[in-house]
C-alpha atoms as a PDB file:
ATOM      1  CA  MET A   1     -22.210  37.503-101.506  1.00  0.00           C
ATOM      2  CA  ARG A   2     -22.943  36.206 -98.000  1.00  0.00           C
ATOM      3  CA  LYS A   3     -25.179  33.193 -97.499  1.00  0.00           C
ATOM      4  CA  GLU A   4     -28.263  33.338 -95.317  1.00  0.00           C
ATOM      5  CA  LEU A   5     -28.172  31.775 -91.884  1.00  0.00           C
ATOM      6  CA  ILE A   6     -30.162  28.520 -91.744  1.00  0.00           C
ATOM      7  CA  VAL A   7     -32.084  27.972 -88.521  1.00  0.00           C
ATOM      8  CA  THR A   8     -31.686  24.373 -87.333  1.00  0.00           C
ATOM      9  CA  LYS A   9     -34.139  24.606 -84.426  1.00  0.00           C
ATOM     10  CA  THR A  10     -36.151  27.060 -82.358  1.00  0.00           C
ATOM     11  CA  LEU A  11     -36.166  26.918 -78.558  1.00  0.00           C
ATOM     12  CA  GLU A  12     -38.799  28.295 -76.216  1.00  0.00           C
ATOM     13  CA  VAL A  13     -37.195  30.913 -74.001  1.00  0.00           C
ATOM     14  CA  SER A  14     -38.419  33.025 -71.109  1.00  0.00           C
ATOM     15  CA  LYS A  15     -37.083  36.234 -69.599  1.00  0.00           C
ATOM     16  CA  GLU A  16     -35.862  34.136 -66.659  1.00  0.00           C
ATOM     17  CA  ASP A  17     -33.869  31.876 -69.025  1.00  0.00           C
ATOM     18  CA  LEU A  18     -32.064  34.913 -70.438  1.00  0.00           C
ATOM     19  CA  LYS A  19     -31.137  36.128 -66.967  1.00  0.00           C
ATOM     20  CA  ASN A  20     -28.909  33.065 -66.609  1.00  0.00           C
ATOM     21  CA  ILE A  21     -27.781  32.331 -70.145  1.00  0.00           C
ATOM     22  CA  GLU A  22     -25.092  29.834 -69.161  1.00  0.00           C
ATOM     23  CA  VAL A  23     -27.562  27.504 -67.405  1.00  0.00           C
ATOM     24  CA  PHE A  24     -30.013  27.773 -70.324  1.00  0.00           C
ATOM     25  CA  LEU A  25     -27.311  26.905 -72.874  1.00  0.00           C
ATOM     26  CA  LYS A  26     -26.125  23.883 -70.878  1.00  0.00           C
ATOM     27  CA  LYS A  27     -29.694  22.643 -70.378  1.00  0.00           C
ATOM     28  CA  ASN A  28     -30.219  22.718 -74.169  1.00  0.00           C
ATOM     29  CA  ASP A  29     -26.869  21.092 -75.111  1.00  0.00           C
ATOM     30  CA  LEU A  30     -25.437  24.292 -76.561  1.00  0.00           C
ATOM     31  CA  LEU A  31     -22.589  24.726 -74.064  1.00  0.00           C
ATOM     32  CA  ASP A  32     -20.017  22.251 -72.787  1.00  0.00           C
ATOM     33  CA  ASP A  33     -17.747  22.267 -69.730  1.00  0.00           C
ATOM     34  CA  LEU A  34     -15.379  24.851 -71.271  1.00  0.00           C
ATOM     35  CA  ASN A  35     -18.174  27.465 -70.879  1.00  0.00           C
ATOM     36  CA  VAL A  36     -17.191  29.366 -74.028  1.00  0.00           C
ATOM     37  CA  TRP A  37     -20.031  31.751 -74.822  1.00  0.00           C
ATOM     38  CA  PHE A  38     -20.620  35.466 -75.207  1.00  0.00           C
ATOM     39  CA  ALA A  39     -23.549  37.635 -76.189  1.00  0.00           C
ATOM     40  CA  GLY A  40     -24.328  41.075 -77.490  1.00  0.00           C
ATOM     41  CA  PHE A  41     -26.214  43.014 -80.112  1.00  0.00           C
ATOM     42  CA  ASP A  42     -26.116  43.287 -83.897  1.00  0.00           C
ATOM     43  CA  ASP A  43     -23.544  45.888 -84.885  1.00  0.00           C
ATOM     44  CA  GLN A  44     -24.367  45.828 -88.624  1.00  0.00           C
ATOM     45  CA  ARG A  45     -27.624  47.789 -88.573  1.00  0.00           C
ATOM     46  CA  SER A  46     -26.241  51.207 -87.837  1.00  0.00           C
ATOM     47  CA  GLY A  47     -22.835  52.597 -87.117  1.00  0.00           C
ATOM     48  CA  SER A  48     -24.425  54.976 -84.651  1.00  0.00           C
ATOM     49  CA  GLN A  49     -26.359  52.336 -82.697  1.00  0.00           C
ATOM     50  CA  ASN A  50     -25.099  52.123 -79.164  1.00  0.00           C
ATOM     51  CA  ALA A  51     -25.010  48.639 -77.574  1.00  0.00           C
ATOM     52  CA  VAL A  52     -25.606  50.124 -74.135  1.00  0.00           C
ATOM     53  CA  ALA A  53     -28.732  51.896 -75.381  1.00  0.00           C
ATOM     54  CA  ALA A  54     -29.897  48.729 -77.162  1.00  0.00           C
ATOM     55  CA  ASN A  55     -29.479  46.816 -73.920  1.00  0.00           C
ATOM     56  CA  LEU A  56     -31.515  49.421 -72.016  1.00  0.00           C
ATOM     57  CA  PHE A  57     -34.316  49.804 -74.577  1.00  0.00           C
ATOM     58  CA  TYR A  58     -34.666  46.223 -75.781  1.00  0.00           C
ATOM     59  CA  GLY A  59     -33.277  44.200 -72.865  1.00  0.00           C
ATOM     60  CA  ASN A  60     -32.514  40.720 -74.129  1.00  0.00           C
ATOM     61  CA  SER A  61     -35.182  40.736 -76.852  1.00  0.00           C
ATOM     62  CA  ARG A  62     -32.564  41.382 -79.565  1.00  0.00           C
ATOM     63  CA  LEU A  63     -29.732  39.456 -77.962  1.00  0.00           C
ATOM     64  CA  MET A  64     -27.318  37.446 -80.111  1.00  0.00           C
ATOM     65  CA  ILE A  65     -25.371  34.575 -78.504  1.00  0.00           C
ATOM     66  CA  ILE A  66     -22.346  32.611 -79.690  1.00  0.00           C
ATOM     67  CA  SER A  67     -21.493  29.324 -77.970  1.00  0.00           C
ATOM     68  CA  ILE A  68     -19.354  26.226 -78.395  1.00  0.00           C
ATOM     69  CA  PHE A  69     -20.640  22.733 -77.565  1.00  0.00           C
ATOM     70  CA  ASN A  70     -18.002  20.028 -78.020  1.00  0.00           C
ATOM     71  CA  ASP A  71     -16.591  20.942 -81.445  1.00  0.00           C
ATOM     72  CA  ASP A  72     -19.671  22.726 -82.776  1.00  0.00           C
ATOM     73  CA  VAL A  73     -20.088  26.505 -82.938  1.00  0.00           C
ATOM     74  CA  TYR A  74     -23.617  27.878 -82.534  1.00  0.00           C
ATOM     75  CA  TYR A  75     -25.226  31.244 -83.081  1.00  0.00           C
ATOM     76  CA  LEU A  76     -28.506  32.009 -81.290  1.00  0.00           C
ATOM     77  CA  GLN A  77     -30.800  34.929 -82.058  1.00  0.00           C
ATOM     78  CA  ASN A  78     -33.714  35.878 -79.856  1.00  0.00           C
ATOM     79  CA  SER A  79     -36.940  36.473 -81.797  1.00  0.00           C
ATOM     80  CA  LYS A  80     -40.701  36.568 -81.243  1.00  0.00           C
ATOM     81  CA  LYS A  81     -40.831  32.867 -82.233  1.00  0.00           C
ATOM     82  CA  GLY A  82     -38.240  31.906 -79.610  1.00  0.00           C
ATOM     83  CA  LEU A  83     -34.496  31.480 -79.615  1.00  0.00           C
ATOM     84  CA  LEU A  84     -33.391  30.647 -83.158  1.00  0.00           C
ATOM     85  CA  VAL A  85     -30.423  28.253 -83.233  1.00  0.00           C
ATOM     86  CA  VAL A  86     -27.986  28.250 -86.162  1.00  0.00           C
ATOM     87  CA  HIS A  87     -25.131  25.752 -86.458  1.00  0.00           C
ATOM     88  CA  LEU A  88     -22.234  27.820 -87.835  1.00  0.00           C
ATOM     89  CA  GLY A  89     -19.859  24.900 -88.242  1.00  0.00           C
ATOM     90  CA  ASN A  90     -17.222  22.816 -86.546  1.00  0.00           C
ATOM     91  CA  LYS A  91     -14.541  24.759 -84.674  1.00  0.00           C
ATOM     92  CA  ASN A  92     -11.880  22.928 -86.726  1.00  0.00           C
ATOM     93  CA  GLU A  93     -13.282  24.389 -89.947  1.00  0.00           C
ATOM     94  CA  LYS A  94     -12.047  27.676 -91.368  1.00  0.00           C
ATOM     95  CA  PHE A  95     -13.435  30.471 -89.203  1.00  0.00           C
ATOM     96  CA  LYS A  96     -12.025  33.977 -89.402  1.00  0.00           C
ATOM     97  CA  THR A  97     -12.537  36.635 -86.774  1.00  0.00           C
ATOM     98  CA  LYS A  98     -11.705  40.283 -86.435  1.00  0.00           C
ATOM     99  CA  LEU A  99     -11.930  42.192 -83.166  1.00  0.00           C
ATOM    100  CA  ARG A 100     -12.496  45.946 -82.997  1.00  0.00           C
ATOM    101  CA  ARG A 101     -12.021  47.369 -79.542  1.00  0.00           C
ATOM    102  CA  GLY A 102     -14.328  50.132 -78.361  1.00  0.00           C
ATOM    103  CA  LEU A 103     -14.326  52.320 -75.293  1.00  0.00           C
ATOM    104  CA  ILE A 104     -17.034  50.290 -73.550  1.00  0.00           C
ATOM    105  CA  ASN A 105     -17.734  47.250 -75.740  1.00  0.00           C
ATOM    106  CA  SER A 106     -15.710  45.492 -78.407  1.00  0.00           C
ATOM    107  CA  THR A 107     -17.158  44.282 -81.691  1.00  0.00           C
ATOM    108  CA  ILE A 108     -16.313  40.860 -83.084  1.00  0.00           C
ATOM    109  CA  GLU A 109     -16.742  40.044 -86.754  1.00  0.00           C
ATOM    110  CA  ILE A 110     -17.142  36.342 -87.431  1.00  0.00           C
ATOM    111  CA  TYR A 111     -16.731  34.854 -90.888  1.00  0.00           C
ATOM    112  CA  ALA A 112     -18.077  31.299 -90.675  1.00  0.00           C
ATOM    113  CA  PRO A 113     -16.974  28.461 -93.000  1.00  0.00           C
ATOM    114  CA  ARG A 114     -20.175  28.488 -95.051  1.00  0.00           C
ATOM    115  CA  GLU A 115     -19.764  32.172 -96.010  1.00  0.00           C
ATOM    116  CA  GLN A 116     -21.935  33.363 -93.134  1.00  0.00           C
ATOM    117  CA  TYR A 117     -21.075  36.698 -91.547  1.00  0.00           C
ATOM    118  CA  LEU A 118     -21.937  38.054 -88.095  1.00  0.00           C
ATOM    119  CA  GLU A 119     -20.982  41.302 -86.411  1.00  0.00           C
ATOM    120  CA  ILE A 120     -21.700  41.444 -82.680  1.00  0.00           C
ATOM    121  CA  LYS A 121     -21.129  44.249 -80.185  1.00  0.00           C
ATOM    122  CA  VAL A 122     -20.263  42.104 -77.145  1.00  0.00           C
ATOM    123  CA  THR A 123     -21.958  43.094 -73.875  1.00  0.00           C
ATOM    124  CA  LYS A 124     -22.154  39.816 -71.912  1.00  0.00           C
ATOM    125  CA  ASN A 125     -19.342  37.442 -70.885  1.00  0.00           C
ATOM    126  CA  LYS A 126     -16.827  39.655 -72.695  1.00  0.00           C
ATOM    127  CA  ASP A 127     -13.770  37.813 -71.360  1.00  0.00           C
ATOM    128  CA  GLN A 128     -14.752  34.717 -73.377  1.00  0.00           C
ATOM    129  CA  VAL A 129     -14.204  36.411 -76.748  1.00  0.00           C
ATOM    130  CA  LYS A 130     -10.450  35.821 -76.467  1.00  0.00           C
ATOM    131  CA  VAL A 131     -11.029  32.172 -75.491  1.00  0.00           C
ATOM    132  CA  PHE A 132     -13.472  31.751 -78.389  1.00  0.00           C
ATOM    133  CA  ARG A 133     -10.948  33.114 -80.871  1.00  0.00           C
ATOM    134  CA  SER A 134      -8.255  30.745 -79.611  1.00  0.00           C
ATOM    135  CA  GLU A 135     -10.660  27.752 -79.746  1.00  0.00           C
ATOM    136  CA  ILE A 136     -11.546  28.248 -83.426  1.00  0.00           C
ATOM    137  CA  LYS A 137      -7.999  28.687 -84.704  1.00  0.00           C
END
């Protein structure tokens, strides 16, 4: 059984903030100088859900973000309350990842140390997925 994600804080976020995610993350101490972050949409809801369509219909309102700040790995989920921040663990802890390549977007499965599970269809900053995987090994 997977454990629920525990929100550590909620940040106010505007549409403008989500247009430049990197600056927003740095301003809120969720991204360091390595700039390791990527974002996308939940790929668990439906096998037929298309990330491109989700991006068109919902914009960034359902965006999921993964970032590394110093040694800490964060997961951020946009919601009506704001950007929910979850501390997934330290990058030196036991993370497992699995990457499924798609025609347009790849999906990363992340198994966090505290039995948390995320599945994200990556649509933003895709090149950082490889860097992220090497950082948490």
